[in-house]
C-alpha cells in the first residue's frame, strides 16, 4: 500500500499550500500576538522590537522583513484587533429576531468582546493618545466601521417600521452608546475599583452589567 503522502511534493502541505507559506503565516501571526501584548502594555513609544523578537521564534531582522518598520507592525496589530470585533459583528445573525432582541444581542456581543479582549481596549486608548494618526493611514480604514453600522442600521430600520424605536437617533449614536459603556467598564477598571471599591469586571457583577447595558440602550430607543 502506497502512502498518499509519498506522492506529495517536498514541502507541500496536505491542503496544497506550500509549507513555506504556512510557516510564514504562522510566524507572522506569532509576531502579531506578541506585538499586540507589548504595544498594549508598553504603549507605542515604550514597546521595543528587540523585546518582541526575543519573545517569538524569530529575529528582529525577520520582523522588519515581514512588517518593514515598528510603525507598520503596530498598525498591523491595531488593524487585526479591529478586524476581530468587526468579523464578529458581520457574522451576527439577528434576522430572525425582533428589533429589540436583535439590538440587545448586538450590545451583548460588544460587551462580551471587550471584556475578553482587554488588549483591544488598551490599543484603541493608545491610538487615541496619538490622535489616531496611525489608523488614519490604514488601507483597512474604510471597512473598519461598516459591519457595526450596517447591522445597527438594519435593526433600527426594522424597529422604526414596527413603531418600536424613536426616529431621531442614528446607528452611529447607538454604536457610541454601546461602546461607551463597554470600553469604560474595561478601560477604567482599576481606577474605578480604587476610588469606589468595586471591580466592574468581577464575575459576580457580570450578568447585572450585561443586562444593564441592553436595558439602557432599549429604554433610550423606545422612549418618546
Protein backbone atom coordinates (compact mmCIF):
# COMPACT_ATOMS: atom_id res chain seq x y z
CA UNK A 1 0.00 0.00 0.00
CA UNK A 2 1.39 3.37 -1.03
CA UNK A 3 1.33 6.21 1.49
CA UNK A 4 -0.66 9.03 -0.08
CA UNK A 5 1.85 11.49 1.26
CA UNK A 6 4.61 9.89 -0.82
CA UNK A 7 3.19 11.50 -3.98
CA UNK A 8 3.21 14.92 -2.38
CA UNK A 9 5.93 17.27 -3.46
CA UNK A 10 8.54 18.05 -0.87
CA UNK A 11 7.46 20.96 1.24
CA UNK A 12 3.83 20.65 0.13
CA UNK A 13 1.16 20.57 2.85
CA UNK A 14 -1.87 18.26 2.76
CA UNK A 15 -4.14 21.15 1.80
CA UNK A 16 -1.96 22.05 -1.18
CA UNK A 17 -0.47 25.15 0.44
CA UNK A 18 3.35 25.14 0.33
CA UNK A 19 4.84 24.70 3.80
CA UNK A 20 6.95 27.83 3.44
CA UNK A 21 3.77 29.90 3.11
CA UNK A 22 2.13 28.14 6.04
CA UNK A 23 5.26 28.74 8.12
CA UNK A 24 5.29 32.40 7.09
CA UNK A 25 1.65 32.81 8.14
CA UNK A 26 2.33 31.13 11.48
CA UNK A 27 5.39 33.29 12.10
CA UNK A 28 3.55 36.47 11.17
CA UNK A 29 0.64 35.55 13.46
CA UNK A 30 3.01 34.77 16.32
CA UNK A 31 4.76 38.10 15.89
CA UNK A 32 1.41 39.90 15.92
CA UNK A 33 0.30 38.05 19.06
CA UNK A 34 3.39 39.16 20.95
CA UNK A 35 3.35 42.66 19.43
CA UNK A 36 -0.26 43.16 20.47
CA UNK A 37 0.62 42.39 24.07
CA UNK A 38 3.75 44.53 24.04
CA UNK A 39 2.10 47.57 22.46
CA UNK A 40 -0.95 47.32 24.70
CA UNK A 41 1.18 47.08 27.84
CA UNK A 42 4.05 49.43 26.97
CA UNK A 43 2.43 51.84 24.53
CA UNK A 44 3.72 52.65 21.07
CA UNK A 45 6.79 54.53 22.27
CA UNK A 46 7.60 52.10 25.06
CA UNK A 47 7.37 48.86 23.08
CA UNK A 48 10.66 47.52 21.72
CA UNK A 49 11.06 45.44 18.58
CA UNK A 50 14.03 43.72 20.26
CA UNK A 51 11.75 42.58 23.07
CA UNK A 52 9.09 41.37 20.63
CA UNK A 53 11.72 39.37 18.75
CA UNK A 54 13.04 37.86 21.99
CA UNK A 55 9.58 36.57 22.84
CA UNK A 56 8.97 34.96 19.45
CA UNK A 57 10.71 32.23 17.48
CA UNK A 58 12.13 34.76 15.06
CA UNK A 59 14.61 37.64 14.90
CA UNK A 60 14.42 41.41 14.75
CA UNK A 61 15.58 41.21 11.14
CA UNK A 62 12.71 38.88 10.26
CA UNK A 63 10.20 41.17 11.95
CA UNK A 64 11.38 44.00 9.72
CA UNK A 65 11.25 41.64 6.75
CA UNK A 66 7.56 40.95 7.40
CA UNK A 67 6.47 44.41 8.57
CA UNK A 68 9.23 46.79 7.35
CA UNK A 69 9.04 49.08 10.42
CA UNK A 70 7.90 49.35 14.03
CA UNK A 71 5.10 51.67 12.93
CA UNK A 72 3.82 49.15 10.38
CA UNK A 73 3.98 46.39 12.98
CA UNK A 74 1.94 48.50 15.40
CA UNK A 75 -0.59 49.33 12.68
CA UNK A 76 -0.91 45.65 11.73
CA UNK A 77 -1.60 44.74 15.37
CA UNK A 78 -4.16 47.53 15.63
CA UNK A 79 -5.87 46.53 12.37
CA UNK A 80 -6.08 42.91 13.41
CA UNK A 81 -7.59 43.91 16.77
CA UNK A 82 -10.32 45.87 14.99
CA UNK A 83 -10.85 43.09 12.47
CA UNK A 84 -11.75 40.58 15.21
CA UNK A 85 -14.70 42.59 16.54
CA UNK A 86 -15.82 43.60 13.06
CA UNK A 87 -15.86 39.97 11.91
CA UNK A 88 -17.96 39.02 14.96
CA UNK A 89 -20.43 41.79 14.11
CA UNK A 90 -20.53 40.68 10.48
CA UNK A 91 -21.32 37.10 11.49
CA UNK A 92 -24.02 38.05 14.00
CA UNK A 93 -27.31 36.52 12.82
CA UNK A 94 -30.25 38.56 14.07
CA UNK A 95 -32.55 38.33 11.05
CA UNK A 96 -34.98 36.01 12.81
CA UNK A 97 -35.10 38.14 15.96
CA UNK A 98 -37.38 41.06 16.67
CA UNK A 99 -35.70 44.50 16.63
CA UNK A 100 -35.50 44.79 20.42
CA UNK A 101 -33.96 41.35 20.93
CA UNK A 102 -31.63 41.90 17.95
CA UNK A 103 -30.36 45.13 19.44
CA UNK A 104 -29.83 43.52 22.82
CA UNK A 105 -27.90 40.68 21.16
CA UNK A 106 -25.61 43.15 19.39
CA UNK A 107 -24.98 45.06 22.62
CA UNK A 108 -24.16 41.80 24.40
CA UNK A 109 -21.75 40.81 21.63
CA UNK A 110 -19.83 44.06 22.15
CA UNK A 111 -19.92 43.58 25.92
CA UNK A 112 -18.52 40.04 25.65
CA UNK A 113 -15.83 41.00 23.14
CA UNK A 114 -14.49 44.00 25.05
CA UNK A 115 -14.42 42.02 28.29
CA UNK A 116 -12.44 39.18 26.71
CA UNK A 117 -10.12 41.43 24.65
CA UNK A 118 -8.62 43.99 27.06
CA UNK A 119 -5.64 44.38 24.70
CA UNK A 120 -8.04 45.82 22.11
CA UNK A 121 -9.26 48.45 24.56
CA UNK A 122 -5.71 49.42 25.52
CA UNK A 123 -4.60 49.62 21.88
CA UNK A 124 -7.54 51.88 21.00
CA UNK A 125 -6.75 54.08 24.01
CA UNK A 126 -3.10 54.32 22.94
CA UNK A 127 -4.10 55.20 19.39
CA UNK A 128 -6.34 57.98 20.71
CA UNK A 129 -3.37 59.33 22.66
CA UNK A 130 -1.59 59.56 19.31
CA UNK A 131 -4.55 61.35 17.69
CA UNK A 132 -5.42 58.30 15.55
CA UNK A 133 -2.54 59.18 13.23
CA UNK A 134 -1.59 55.55 12.58
CA UNK A 135 -5.05 54.19 11.86
CA UNK A 136 -5.77 57.24 9.68
CA UNK A 137 -3.23 55.86 7.22
CA UNK A 138 -4.64 52.35 7.22
CA UNK A 139 -5.88 50.84 3.97
CA UNK A 140 -8.45 48.98 6.08
CA UNK A 141 -9.94 52.20 7.48
CA UNK A 142 -12.96 52.37 5.12
CA UNK A 143 -14.06 48.90 6.24
CA UNK A 144 -13.47 49.29 9.97
CA UNK A 145 -16.82 50.93 10.66
CA UNK A 146 -19.09 49.31 8.09
CA UNK A 147 -20.04 45.98 9.74
CA UNK A 148 -21.20 47.52 13.03
CA UNK A 149 -23.11 50.33 11.39
CA UNK A 150 -24.69 48.11 8.73
CA UNK A 151 -26.10 45.72 11.33
CA UNK A 152 -27.30 48.57 13.53
CA UNK A 153 -28.85 50.47 10.65
CA UNK A 154 -30.90 47.45 9.65
CA UNK A 155 -32.04 46.78 13.22
CA UNK A 156 -33.07 50.40 13.66
CA UNK A 157 -34.90 50.38 10.32
CA UNK A 158 -36.94 47.36 11.33
CA UNK A 159 -37.63 48.79 14.76
CA UNK A 160 -38.91 52.06 13.31
CA UNK A 161 -41.02 50.26 10.73
CA UNK A 162 -42.73 48.42 13.58
CA UNK A 163 -43.18 51.61 15.56
CA UNK A 164 -40.88 50.48 18.39
CA UNK A 165 -37.87 52.81 18.07
CA UNK A 166 -37.58 56.57 18.08
CA UNK A 167 -36.60 58.19 14.77
CA UNK A 168 -34.18 60.90 15.92
CA UNK A 169 -31.23 58.57 16.61
CA UNK A 170 -28.90 57.09 14.01
CA UNK A 171 -26.75 53.96 14.03
CA UNK A 172 -23.61 55.86 14.99
CA UNK A 173 -25.36 57.30 18.05
CA UNK A 174 -26.29 53.80 19.22
CA UNK A 175 -22.84 52.41 18.44
CA UNK A 176 -21.30 55.19 20.54
CA UNK A 177 -23.67 54.49 23.42
CA UNK A 178 -22.88 50.76 23.47
CA UNK A 179 -19.13 51.30 23.05
CA UNK A 180 -19.01 53.93 25.78
CA UNK A 181 -20.38 51.52 28.38
CA UNK A 182 -18.24 48.57 27.28
CA UNK A 183 -15.00 50.50 26.90
CA UNK A 184 -15.40 52.34 30.21
CA UNK A 185 -16.03 49.09 32.08
CA UNK A 186 -12.76 47.60 30.86
CA UNK A 187 -10.52 50.64 30.44
CA UNK A 188 -11.33 52.20 33.82
CA UNK A 189 -11.48 49.02 35.83
CA UNK A 190 -8.54 49.78 38.10
CA UNK A 191 -9.19 53.45 38.85
CA UNK A 192 -12.89 52.76 39.40
CA UNK A 193 -12.07 49.97 41.85
CA UNK A 194 -9.53 52.10 43.70
CA UNK A 195 -11.94 55.03 44.08
CA UNK A 196 -15.24 53.20 44.59
CA UNK A 197 -14.06 49.78 45.76
CA UNK A 198 -15.99 47.96 43.07
CA UNK A 199 -14.36 45.82 40.39
CA UNK A 200 -16.52 46.22 37.30
CA UNK A 201 -15.05 43.03 35.83
CA UNK A 202 -15.73 40.93 38.91
CA UNK A 203 -17.75 37.89 37.68
CA UNK A 204 -20.38 38.46 40.36
CA UNK A 205 -21.35 41.75 38.65
CA UNK A 206 -21.19 40.44 35.08
CA UNK A 207 -24.81 39.42 34.48
CA UNK A 208 -26.04 42.61 36.12
CA UNK A 209 -23.94 44.86 33.88
CA UNK A 210 -24.67 42.84 30.74
CA UNK A 211 -28.41 43.17 31.32
CA UNK A 212 -28.00 46.80 32.36
CA UNK A 213 -26.38 47.65 29.02
CA UNK A 214 -29.21 46.14 26.99
CA UNK A 215 -31.85 47.79 29.18
CA UNK A 216 -30.14 51.16 28.92
CA UNK A 217 -29.98 51.14 25.13
CA UNK A 218 -33.51 49.80 24.68
CA UNK A 219 -35.02 52.19 27.22
CA UNK A 220 -33.48 55.10 25.37
CA UNK A 221 -34.54 53.91 21.92
CA UNK A 222 -38.12 53.21 22.99
CA UNK A 223 -38.58 56.46 24.96
CA UNK A 224 -40.68 59.19 23.46
